[in-house]
Amino acid sequence: MKNPNNTLNFLIYVIFIILGIITIFYQVHFDDFWLDEMNSFFVADPNLTFEETILRHNESDWHNPKLFNIILKFYLNFVGYDPHLARYLPLFYGSISLIMISIISYQIKKDNSFLFTTFLVCTSIYIIKYSQELRPYSLLLLTSTLNISFFIKLLNGFKIKIINLIFFILFSLLNYSTHP
């Protein structure tokens, strides 16, 4: 027989996550691009060759990580070179980060406290605002949460340690490559 508390907790969790994702997507195009967002959009032009993109990055966006601009270039090549569509990539990163932070909270302490963490994360103005900008911060948050999650799995002694170790190293490198 199912525990009614588990069903209620899951329902509350899903409601928090849906509300968090709605707040991230709400008024995403309310502000125009900032100068640094325009610069990332300029660097990631899908009509340029990869070498031209790296050259533009080194000339105008050298203070930001290349990984974000490269991912953005491939994304814009897929969806089209439109400033309105460009902001959806960080929105995706921020939305997945909400879920990952909740999972980390549950991995640390397997009780109902993850609901409070989920609520706090889904209402965090910093996560909401940075997920609405075409900047690497939401990707950095995502790689950080994935890194922490695999680190906790390594500490807890999951059976497939080598896979967890590989993913931990991979997300550590991605995290390092994403930090501005």
N, C-alpha and C. Protein backbone atom coordinates (compact mmCIF):
# COMPACT_ATOMS: atom_id res chain seq x y z
N MET A 1 0.84 -1.19 0.00
CA MET A 1 0.00 0.00 0.00
C MET A 1 0.88 1.25 0.00
N LYS A 2 0.48 2.23 -0.77
CA LYS A 2 1.25 3.47 -0.87
C LYS A 2 1.07 4.32 0.38
N ASN A 3 2.13 4.97 0.75
CA ASN A 3 2.07 5.90 1.87
C ASN A 3 1.47 7.22 1.38
N PRO A 4 0.37 7.68 2.01
CA PRO A 4 -0.25 8.94 1.55
C PRO A 4 0.68 10.14 1.71
N ASN A 5 1.59 10.11 2.70
CA ASN A 5 2.52 11.22 2.87
C ASN A 5 3.48 11.33 1.68
N ASN A 6 3.92 10.18 1.15
CA ASN A 6 4.81 10.21 -0.01
C ASN A 6 4.11 10.79 -1.23
N THR A 7 2.84 10.44 -1.41
CA THR A 7 2.08 10.98 -2.53
C THR A 7 1.86 12.48 -2.36
N LEU A 8 1.54 12.90 -1.15
CA LEU A 8 1.34 14.33 -0.88
C LEU A 8 2.65 15.10 -1.06
N ASN A 9 3.75 14.55 -0.55
CA ASN A 9 5.05 15.21 -0.71
C ASN A 9 5.43 15.34 -2.18
N PHE A 10 5.18 14.29 -2.94
CA PHE A 10 5.49 14.34 -4.37
C PHE A 10 4.63 15.38 -5.07
N LEU A 11 3.37 15.47 -4.71
CA LEU A 11 2.47 16.45 -5.31
C LEU A 11 2.93 17.87 -4.97
N ILE A 12 3.29 18.10 -3.72
CA ILE A 12 3.80 19.43 -3.31
C ILE A 12 5.09 19.75 -4.07
N TYR A 13 5.96 18.76 -4.20
CA TYR A 13 7.23 18.94 -4.92
C TYR A 13 6.97 19.33 -6.37
N VAL A 14 6.07 18.63 -7.03
CA VAL A 14 5.76 18.91 -8.44
C VAL A 14 5.16 20.32 -8.57
N ILE A 15 4.30 20.70 -7.64
CA ILE A 15 3.70 22.04 -7.68
C ILE A 15 4.78 23.11 -7.52
N PHE A 16 5.70 22.92 -6.57
CA PHE A 16 6.80 23.88 -6.38
C PHE A 16 7.66 23.99 -7.64
N ILE A 17 7.99 22.85 -8.24
CA ILE A 17 8.84 22.86 -9.43
C ILE A 17 8.12 23.55 -10.59
N ILE A 18 6.85 23.26 -10.79
CA ILE A 18 6.09 23.91 -11.87
C ILE A 18 6.01 25.41 -11.64
N LEU A 19 5.74 25.82 -10.41
CA LEU A 19 5.69 27.26 -10.11
C LEU A 19 7.06 27.90 -10.29
N GLY A 20 8.13 27.19 -9.93
CA GLY A 20 9.48 27.71 -10.12
C GLY A 20 9.80 27.89 -11.59
N ILE A 21 9.43 26.93 -12.41
CA ILE A 21 9.69 27.03 -13.85
C ILE A 21 8.84 28.14 -14.47
N ILE A 22 7.61 28.30 -14.00
CA ILE A 22 6.76 29.38 -14.50
C ILE A 22 7.37 30.74 -14.14
N THR A 23 7.88 30.88 -12.92
CA THR A 23 8.49 32.17 -12.54
C THR A 23 9.77 32.43 -13.32
N ILE A 24 10.50 31.38 -13.68
CA ILE A 24 11.70 31.58 -14.50
C ILE A 24 11.30 32.05 -15.90
N PHE A 25 10.25 31.48 -16.47
CA PHE A 25 9.84 31.83 -17.82
C PHE A 25 9.01 33.12 -17.87
N TYR A 26 8.48 33.56 -16.74
CA TYR A 26 7.61 34.73 -16.71
C TYR A 26 8.42 35.99 -17.05
N GLN A 27 7.96 36.74 -18.00
CA GLN A 27 8.55 37.99 -18.47
C GLN A 27 10.01 37.84 -18.87
N VAL A 28 10.31 36.77 -19.57
CA VAL A 28 11.68 36.53 -19.99
C VAL A 28 12.15 37.61 -20.97
N HIS A 29 11.25 38.17 -21.75
CA HIS A 29 11.62 39.19 -22.72
C HIS A 29 11.21 40.59 -22.24
N PHE A 30 11.07 40.76 -20.94
CA PHE A 30 10.66 42.05 -20.38
C PHE A 30 11.74 43.10 -20.61
N ASP A 31 13.00 42.70 -20.45
CA ASP A 31 14.13 43.61 -20.66
C ASP A 31 14.81 43.27 -21.98
N ASP A 32 15.39 44.29 -22.59
CA ASP A 32 16.22 44.06 -23.77
C ASP A 32 17.54 43.45 -23.34
N PHE A 33 18.34 43.04 -24.33
CA PHE A 33 19.66 42.51 -24.03
C PHE A 33 20.53 43.58 -23.37
N TRP A 34 21.28 43.15 -22.37
CA TRP A 34 22.31 44.00 -21.80
C TRP A 34 23.50 43.97 -22.75
N LEU A 35 24.47 44.81 -22.50
CA LEU A 35 25.64 44.87 -23.38
C LEU A 35 26.39 43.54 -23.40
N ASP A 36 26.56 42.92 -22.24
CA ASP A 36 27.28 41.64 -22.21
C ASP A 36 26.47 40.52 -22.86
N GLU A 37 25.15 40.60 -22.79
CA GLU A 37 24.32 39.62 -23.49
C GLU A 37 24.42 39.80 -25.00
N MET A 38 24.43 41.06 -25.44
CA MET A 38 24.60 41.33 -26.87
C MET A 38 25.95 40.81 -27.36
N ASN A 39 26.94 40.94 -26.52
CA ASN A 39 28.27 40.48 -26.89
C ASN A 39 28.29 38.95 -27.07
N SER A 40 27.67 38.23 -26.14
CA SER A 40 27.59 36.77 -26.27
C SER A 40 26.80 36.38 -27.52
N PHE A 41 25.72 37.10 -27.79
CA PHE A 41 24.91 36.83 -28.97
C PHE A 41 25.71 37.11 -30.24
N PHE A 42 26.51 38.17 -30.23
CA PHE A 42 27.36 38.54 -31.35
C PHE A 42 28.44 37.48 -31.59
N VAL A 43 29.04 37.00 -30.52
CA VAL A 43 30.12 36.01 -30.63
C VAL A 43 29.58 34.68 -31.14
N ALA A 44 28.38 34.31 -30.73
CA ALA A 44 27.84 32.98 -31.03
C ALA A 44 27.07 32.93 -32.35
N ASP A 45 27.31 33.86 -33.24
CA ASP A 45 26.63 33.90 -34.53
C ASP A 45 26.84 32.57 -35.27
N PRO A 46 25.75 31.84 -35.58
CA PRO A 46 25.92 30.54 -36.24
C PRO A 46 26.37 30.65 -37.69
N ASN A 47 26.33 31.85 -38.27
CA ASN A 47 26.77 32.03 -39.65
C ASN A 47 28.29 32.10 -39.77
N LEU A 48 28.96 32.22 -38.64
CA LEU A 48 30.42 32.28 -38.63
C LEU A 48 31.00 30.87 -38.56
N THR A 49 32.23 30.73 -39.01
CA THR A 49 32.92 29.46 -38.82
C THR A 49 33.34 29.37 -37.36
N PHE A 50 33.74 28.18 -36.96
CA PHE A 50 34.16 27.97 -35.58
C PHE A 50 35.38 28.83 -35.25
N GLU A 51 36.32 28.94 -36.19
CA GLU A 51 37.52 29.75 -35.98
C GLU A 51 37.17 31.23 -35.82
N GLU A 52 36.22 31.71 -36.62
CA GLU A 52 35.79 33.11 -36.51
C GLU A 52 35.11 33.37 -35.17
N THR A 53 34.37 32.38 -34.70
CA THR A 53 33.73 32.52 -33.40
C THR A 53 34.77 32.61 -32.29
N ILE A 54 35.78 31.76 -32.34
CA ILE A 54 36.84 31.81 -31.33
C ILE A 54 37.58 33.14 -31.41
N LEU A 55 37.82 33.63 -32.62
CA LEU A 55 38.50 34.91 -32.79
C LEU A 55 37.66 36.05 -32.22
N ARG A 56 36.35 36.04 -32.51
CA ARG A 56 35.46 37.06 -31.93
C ARG A 56 35.45 36.97 -30.41
N HIS A 57 35.43 35.75 -29.91
CA HIS A 57 35.44 35.58 -28.45
C HIS A 57 36.71 36.18 -27.85
N ASN A 58 37.84 35.88 -28.44
CA ASN A 58 39.11 36.38 -27.91
C ASN A 58 39.23 37.89 -28.02
N GLU A 59 38.59 38.49 -29.01
CA GLU A 59 38.67 39.94 -29.19
C GLU A 59 37.69 40.70 -28.32
N SER A 60 36.47 40.21 -28.20
CA SER A 60 35.44 41.02 -27.55
C SER A 60 34.85 40.41 -26.28
N ASP A 61 34.95 39.12 -26.10
CA ASP A 61 34.30 38.48 -24.94
C ASP A 61 35.31 37.62 -24.18
N TRP A 62 36.54 38.07 -24.14
CA TRP A 62 37.64 37.28 -23.56
C TRP A 62 37.47 37.02 -22.08
N HIS A 63 36.73 37.85 -21.39
CA HIS A 63 36.57 37.71 -19.94
C HIS A 63 35.52 36.65 -19.56
N ASN A 64 34.82 36.12 -20.53
CA ASN A 64 33.83 35.08 -20.27
C ASN A 64 34.32 33.74 -20.81
N PRO A 65 33.78 32.65 -20.28
CA PRO A 65 34.24 31.33 -20.73
C PRO A 65 33.81 31.02 -22.15
N LYS A 66 34.68 30.33 -22.86
CA LYS A 66 34.38 29.96 -24.25
C LYS A 66 33.29 28.91 -24.34
N LEU A 67 33.23 28.03 -23.36
CA LEU A 67 32.28 26.92 -23.42
C LEU A 67 30.84 27.41 -23.59
N PHE A 68 30.46 28.44 -22.86
CA PHE A 68 29.10 28.95 -22.96
C PHE A 68 28.82 29.47 -24.38
N ASN A 69 29.74 30.22 -24.94
CA ASN A 69 29.54 30.75 -26.29
C ASN A 69 29.52 29.65 -27.34
N ILE A 70 30.30 28.60 -27.14
CA ILE A 70 30.29 27.49 -28.09
C ILE A 70 28.95 26.74 -28.03
N ILE A 71 28.48 26.47 -26.82
CA ILE A 71 27.18 25.82 -26.67
C ILE A 71 26.08 26.70 -27.26
N LEU A 72 26.17 28.00 -26.99
CA LEU A 72 25.18 28.94 -27.52
C LEU A 72 25.21 28.96 -29.04
N LYS A 73 26.39 28.88 -29.62
CA LYS A 73 26.52 28.85 -31.09
C LYS A 73 25.80 27.63 -31.67
N PHE A 74 26.01 26.45 -31.08
CA PHE A 74 25.35 25.25 -31.58
C PHE A 74 23.83 25.34 -31.37
N TYR A 75 23.42 25.89 -30.24
CA TYR A 75 21.99 26.07 -29.97
C TYR A 75 21.36 27.01 -31.00
N LEU A 76 22.01 28.15 -31.26
CA LEU A 76 21.47 29.11 -32.23
C LEU A 76 21.50 28.57 -33.65
N ASN A 77 22.45 27.71 -33.94
CA ASN A 77 22.49 27.05 -35.24
C ASN A 77 21.28 26.13 -35.41
N PHE A 78 20.83 25.56 -34.30
CA PHE A 78 19.69 24.63 -34.33
C PHE A 78 18.35 25.37 -34.37
N VAL A 79 18.18 26.41 -33.54
CA VAL A 79 16.88 27.08 -33.43
C VAL A 79 16.77 28.34 -34.28
N GLY A 80 17.88 28.87 -34.72
CA GLY A 80 17.87 30.11 -35.51
C GLY A 80 18.50 31.26 -34.73
N TYR A 81 19.01 32.21 -35.47
CA TYR A 81 19.74 33.34 -34.88
C TYR A 81 18.75 34.44 -34.52
N ASP A 82 18.02 34.21 -33.44
CA ASP A 82 16.99 35.13 -32.98
C ASP A 82 17.23 35.46 -31.51
N PRO A 83 17.28 36.75 -31.16
CA PRO A 83 17.56 37.10 -29.77
C PRO A 83 16.49 36.60 -28.79
N HIS A 84 15.26 36.49 -29.25
CA HIS A 84 14.21 36.00 -28.35
C HIS A 84 14.39 34.51 -28.05
N LEU A 85 14.84 33.76 -29.04
CA LEU A 85 15.06 32.33 -28.82
C LEU A 85 16.34 32.06 -28.04
N ALA A 86 17.29 32.97 -28.12
CA ALA A 86 18.58 32.77 -27.45
C ALA A 86 18.42 32.68 -25.94
N ARG A 87 17.50 33.42 -25.37
CA ARG A 87 17.34 33.42 -23.90
C ARG A 87 16.72 32.13 -23.37
N TYR A 88 16.19 31.30 -24.23
CA TYR A 88 15.59 30.06 -23.75
C TYR A 88 16.62 29.03 -23.32
N LEU A 89 17.83 29.13 -23.80
CA LEU A 89 18.88 28.20 -23.38
C LEU A 89 19.21 28.35 -21.90
N PRO A 90 19.48 29.56 -21.39
CA PRO A 90 19.69 29.69 -19.95
C PRO A 90 18.44 29.36 -19.13
N LEU A 91 17.27 29.57 -19.70
CA LEU A 91 16.04 29.20 -19.00
C LEU A 91 15.99 27.69 -18.78
N PHE A 92 16.41 26.95 -19.78
CA PHE A 92 16.46 25.50 -19.66
C PHE A 92 17.45 25.10 -18.57
N TYR A 93 18.63 25.71 -18.57
CA TYR A 93 19.62 25.40 -17.53
C TYR A 93 19.09 25.71 -16.13
N GLY A 94 18.43 26.86 -15.99
CA GLY A 94 17.88 27.22 -14.68
C GLY A 94 16.77 26.29 -14.24
N SER A 95 15.94 25.85 -15.16
CA SER A 95 14.85 24.93 -14.82
C SER A 95 15.38 23.58 -14.36
N ILE A 96 16.38 23.06 -15.04
CA ILE A 96 16.97 21.78 -14.63
C ILE A 96 17.69 21.94 -13.30
N SER A 97 18.28 23.11 -13.07
CA SER A 97 18.97 23.35 -11.80
C SER A 97 18.01 23.30 -10.61
N LEU A 98 16.79 23.79 -10.80
CA LEU A 98 15.80 23.71 -9.72
C LEU A 98 15.60 22.26 -9.29
N ILE A 99 15.46 21.40 -10.26
CA ILE A 99 15.24 19.98 -9.98
C ILE A 99 16.48 19.37 -9.34
N MET A 100 17.65 19.71 -9.86
CA MET A 100 18.89 19.12 -9.33
C MET A 100 19.16 19.54 -7.89
N ILE A 101 18.89 20.79 -7.55
CA ILE A 101 19.11 21.24 -6.18
C ILE A 101 18.18 20.50 -5.23
N SER A 102 16.96 20.25 -5.65
CA SER A 102 16.03 19.47 -4.83
C SER A 102 16.53 18.03 -4.65
N ILE A 103 17.07 17.46 -5.71
CA ILE A 103 17.60 16.09 -5.63
C ILE A 103 18.79 16.05 -4.68
N ILE A 104 19.66 17.05 -4.76
CA ILE A 104 20.80 17.10 -3.85
C ILE A 104 20.34 17.21 -2.41
N SER A 105 19.33 18.03 -2.17
CA SER A 105 18.81 18.16 -0.81
C SER A 105 18.27 16.83 -0.30
N TYR A 106 17.61 16.08 -1.17
CA TYR A 106 17.10 14.77 -0.77
C TYR A 106 18.24 13.77 -0.58
N GLN A 107 19.30 13.87 -1.39
CA GLN A 107 20.45 12.98 -1.23
C GLN A 107 21.14 13.20 0.11
N ILE A 108 21.18 14.45 0.56
CA ILE A 108 21.86 14.76 1.81
C ILE A 108 21.06 14.29 3.01
N LYS A 109 19.78 14.59 3.01
CA LYS A 109 18.93 14.21 4.15
C LYS A 109 17.61 13.70 3.59
N LYS A 110 17.40 12.42 3.72
CA LYS A 110 16.24 11.77 3.10
C LYS A 110 14.99 11.91 3.97
N ASP A 111 14.52 13.16 4.06
CA ASP A 111 13.25 13.40 4.75
C ASP A 111 12.52 14.52 4.01
N ASN A 112 11.55 15.12 4.64
CA ASN A 112 10.71 16.12 3.97
C ASN A 112 11.38 17.49 3.85
N SER A 113 12.58 17.64 4.36
CA SER A 113 13.23 18.95 4.30
C SER A 113 13.54 19.37 2.86
N PHE A 114 13.58 18.43 1.94
CA PHE A 114 13.82 18.79 0.54
C PHE A 114 12.69 19.66 0.00
N LEU A 115 11.49 19.56 0.57
CA LEU A 115 10.38 20.41 0.12
C LEU A 115 10.66 21.87 0.45
N PHE A 116 11.20 22.12 1.63
CA PHE A 116 11.55 23.49 2.01
C PHE A 116 12.67 24.03 1.12
N THR A 117 13.65 23.19 0.84
CA THR A 117 14.73 23.59 -0.07
C THR A 117 14.18 23.90 -1.46
N THR A 118 13.27 23.06 -1.93
CA THR A 118 12.67 23.27 -3.24
C THR A 118 11.91 24.59 -3.28
N PHE A 119 11.17 24.87 -2.22
CA PHE A 119 10.44 26.14 -2.14
C PHE A 119 11.40 27.33 -2.18
N LEU A 120 12.47 27.26 -1.38
CA LEU A 120 13.43 28.37 -1.35
C LEU A 120 14.11 28.58 -2.70
N VAL A 121 14.47 27.49 -3.34
CA VAL A 121 15.16 27.59 -4.63
C VAL A 121 14.20 28.11 -5.70
N CYS A 122 12.97 27.65 -5.69
CA CYS A 122 12.01 28.06 -6.72
C CYS A 122 11.56 29.51 -6.56
N THR A 123 11.79 30.10 -5.41
CA THR A 123 11.43 31.50 -5.20
C THR A 123 12.66 32.40 -5.11
N SER A 124 13.83 31.87 -5.38
CA SER A 124 15.06 32.66 -5.31
C SER A 124 15.12 33.64 -6.48
N ILE A 125 15.15 34.91 -6.15
CA ILE A 125 15.17 35.93 -7.19
C ILE A 125 16.46 35.87 -8.00
N TYR A 126 17.55 35.43 -7.37
CA TYR A 126 18.82 35.34 -8.09
C TYR A 126 18.78 34.25 -9.16
N ILE A 127 18.24 33.11 -8.81
CA ILE A 127 18.14 32.03 -9.81
C ILE A 127 17.18 32.44 -10.92
N ILE A 128 16.09 33.09 -10.56
CA ILE A 128 15.10 33.50 -11.56
C ILE A 128 15.71 34.53 -12.52
N LYS A 129 16.33 35.56 -11.98
CA LYS A 129 16.86 36.64 -12.83
C LYS A 129 18.05 36.18 -13.67
N TYR A 130 18.97 35.42 -13.07
CA TYR A 130 20.13 34.98 -13.84
C TYR A 130 19.76 33.93 -14.89
N SER A 131 18.65 33.22 -14.68
CA SER A 131 18.19 32.28 -15.69
C SER A 131 17.55 32.99 -16.87
N GLN A 132 17.18 34.25 -16.67
CA GLN A 132 16.56 35.02 -17.74
C GLN A 132 17.57 35.82 -18.55
N GLU A 133 18.84 35.73 -18.20
CA GLU A 133 19.87 36.46 -18.93
C GLU A 133 20.71 35.51 -19.77
N LEU A 134 21.17 36.00 -20.88
CA LEU A 134 22.00 35.21 -21.78
C LEU A 134 23.44 35.28 -21.29
N ARG A 135 23.67 34.74 -20.12
CA ARG A 135 24.96 34.74 -19.47
C ARG A 135 25.26 33.32 -19.00
N PRO A 136 26.51 33.02 -18.69
CA PRO A 136 26.87 31.63 -18.33
C PRO A 136 26.50 31.22 -16.91
N TYR A 137 25.86 32.09 -16.14
CA TYR A 137 25.64 31.79 -14.73
C TYR A 137 24.69 30.62 -14.50
N SER A 138 23.65 30.50 -15.29
CA SER A 138 22.74 29.37 -15.10
C SER A 138 23.39 28.05 -15.53
N LEU A 139 24.25 28.10 -16.54
CA LEU A 139 25.01 26.90 -16.91
C LEU A 139 26.00 26.53 -15.81
N LEU A 140 26.61 27.52 -15.20
CA LEU A 140 27.52 27.28 -14.08
C LEU A 140 26.76 26.66 -12.90
N LEU A 141 25.57 27.15 -12.63
CA LEU A 141 24.76 26.56 -11.55
C LEU A 141 24.42 25.11 -11.87
N LEU A 142 24.04 24.83 -13.11
CA LEU A 142 23.70 23.46 -13.49
C LEU A 142 24.89 22.53 -13.37
N THR A 143 26.04 22.94 -13.91
CA THR A 143 27.21 22.06 -13.81
C THR A 143 27.66 21.88 -12.37
N SER A 144 27.48 22.92 -11.55
CA SER A 144 27.83 22.81 -10.13
C SER A 144 26.92 21.82 -9.41
N THR A 145 25.63 21.89 -9.69
CA THR A 145 24.71 20.97 -9.02
C THR A 145 24.93 19.53 -9.48
N LEU A 146 25.21 19.35 -10.75
CA LEU A 146 25.51 17.99 -11.24
C LEU A 146 26.81 17.47 -10.62
N ASN A 147 27.78 18.34 -10.49
CA ASN A 147 29.05 17.97 -9.88
C ASN A 147 28.83 17.54 -8.42
N ILE A 148 28.08 18.33 -7.68
CA ILE A 148 27.81 18.02 -6.27
C ILE A 148 27.01 16.72 -6.15
N SER A 149 26.06 16.53 -7.02
CA SER A 149 25.25 15.32 -6.97
C SER A 149 26.10 14.06 -7.16
N PHE A 150 27.00 14.08 -8.13
CA PHE A 150 27.85 12.91 -8.34
C PHE A 150 28.89 12.76 -7.23
N PHE A 151 29.30 13.86 -6.63
CA PHE A 151 30.20 13.78 -5.49
C PHE A 151 29.51 13.09 -4.30
N ILE A 152 28.27 13.44 -4.06
CA ILE A 152 27.51 12.80 -2.97
C ILE A 152 27.32 11.32 -3.26
N LYS A 153 27.08 10.98 -4.51
CA LYS A 153 26.96 9.55 -4.86
C LYS A 153 28.26 8.82 -4.60
N LEU A 154 29.39 9.47 -4.88
CA LEU A 154 30.68 8.85 -4.58
C LEU A 154 30.87 8.65 -3.09
N LEU A 155 30.48 9.64 -2.31
CA LEU A 155 30.62 9.55 -0.85
C LEU A 155 29.71 8.48 -0.25
N ASN A 156 28.52 8.34 -0.80
CA ASN A 156 27.56 7.38 -0.26
C ASN A 156 27.83 5.96 -0.70
N GLY A 157 28.80 5.75 -1.56
CA GLY A 157 29.20 4.40 -1.95
C GLY A 157 28.22 3.69 -2.86
N PHE A 158 27.71 4.39 -3.87
CA PHE A 158 26.85 3.72 -4.84
C PHE A 158 27.63 2.62 -5.53
N LYS A 159 26.93 1.62 -6.01
CA LYS A 159 27.57 0.41 -6.53
C LYS A 159 28.46 0.66 -7.75
N ILE A 160 28.03 1.53 -8.64
CA ILE A 160 28.80 1.76 -9.86
C ILE A 160 29.68 2.99 -9.63
N LYS A 161 30.72 2.83 -8.85
CA LYS A 161 31.57 3.96 -8.48
C LYS A 161 32.35 4.54 -9.64
N ILE A 162 32.79 3.71 -10.57
CA ILE A 162 33.61 4.22 -11.66
C ILE A 162 32.82 5.16 -12.55
N ILE A 163 31.54 4.88 -12.79
CA ILE A 163 30.70 5.76 -13.60
C ILE A 163 30.46 7.08 -12.86
N ASN A 164 30.20 6.99 -11.56
CA ASN A 164 30.03 8.22 -10.76
C ASN A 164 31.30 9.04 -10.74
N LEU A 165 32.44 8.37 -10.67
CA LEU A 165 33.72 9.08 -10.68
C LEU A 165 33.95 9.76 -12.03
N ILE A 166 33.63 9.08 -13.12
CA ILE A 166 33.79 9.66 -14.45
C ILE A 166 32.90 10.89 -14.61
N PHE A 167 31.64 10.77 -14.18
CA PHE A 167 30.73 11.92 -14.28
C PHE A 167 31.15 13.05 -13.35
N PHE A 168 31.65 12.70 -12.17
CA PHE A 168 32.14 13.74 -11.26
C PHE A 168 33.30 14.51 -11.89
N ILE A 169 34.24 13.80 -12.49
CA ILE A 169 35.38 14.45 -13.15
C ILE A 169 34.91 15.28 -14.36
N LEU A 170 33.99 14.70 -15.14
CA LEU A 170 33.46 15.41 -16.31
C LEU A 170 32.80 16.72 -15.91
N PHE A 171 31.92 16.67 -14.91
CA PHE A 171 31.22 17.89 -14.50
C PHE A 171 32.14 18.85 -13.76
N SER A 172 33.20 18.34 -13.15
CA SER A 172 34.20 19.23 -12.56
C SER A 172 34.91 20.03 -13.65
N LEU A 173 35.27 19.34 -14.74
CA LEU A 173 35.93 20.02 -15.85
C LEU A 173 34.98 21.01 -16.54
N LEU A 174 33.73 20.59 -16.73
CA LEU A 174 32.75 21.51 -17.33
C LEU A 174 32.50 22.71 -16.43
N ASN A 175 32.47 22.46 -15.14
CA ASN A 175 32.27 23.55 -14.18
C ASN A 175 33.44 24.53 -14.25
N TYR A 176 34.64 23.98 -14.32
CA TYR A 176 35.83 24.83 -14.43
C TYR A 176 35.82 25.61 -15.75
N SER A 177 35.35 24.99 -16.81
CA SER A 177 35.31 25.64 -18.13
C SER A 177 34.18 26.63 -18.26
N THR A 178 33.26 26.63 -17.34
CA THR A 178 32.10 27.51 -17.41
C THR A 178 32.24 28.73 -16.50
N HIS A 179 33.10 28.66 -15.54
CA HIS A 179 33.22 29.75 -14.58
C HIS A 179 33.84 30.99 -15.22
N PRO A 180 33.15 32.13 -15.10
CA PRO A 180 33.69 33.37 -15.72
C PRO A 180 34.93 33.90 -14.99
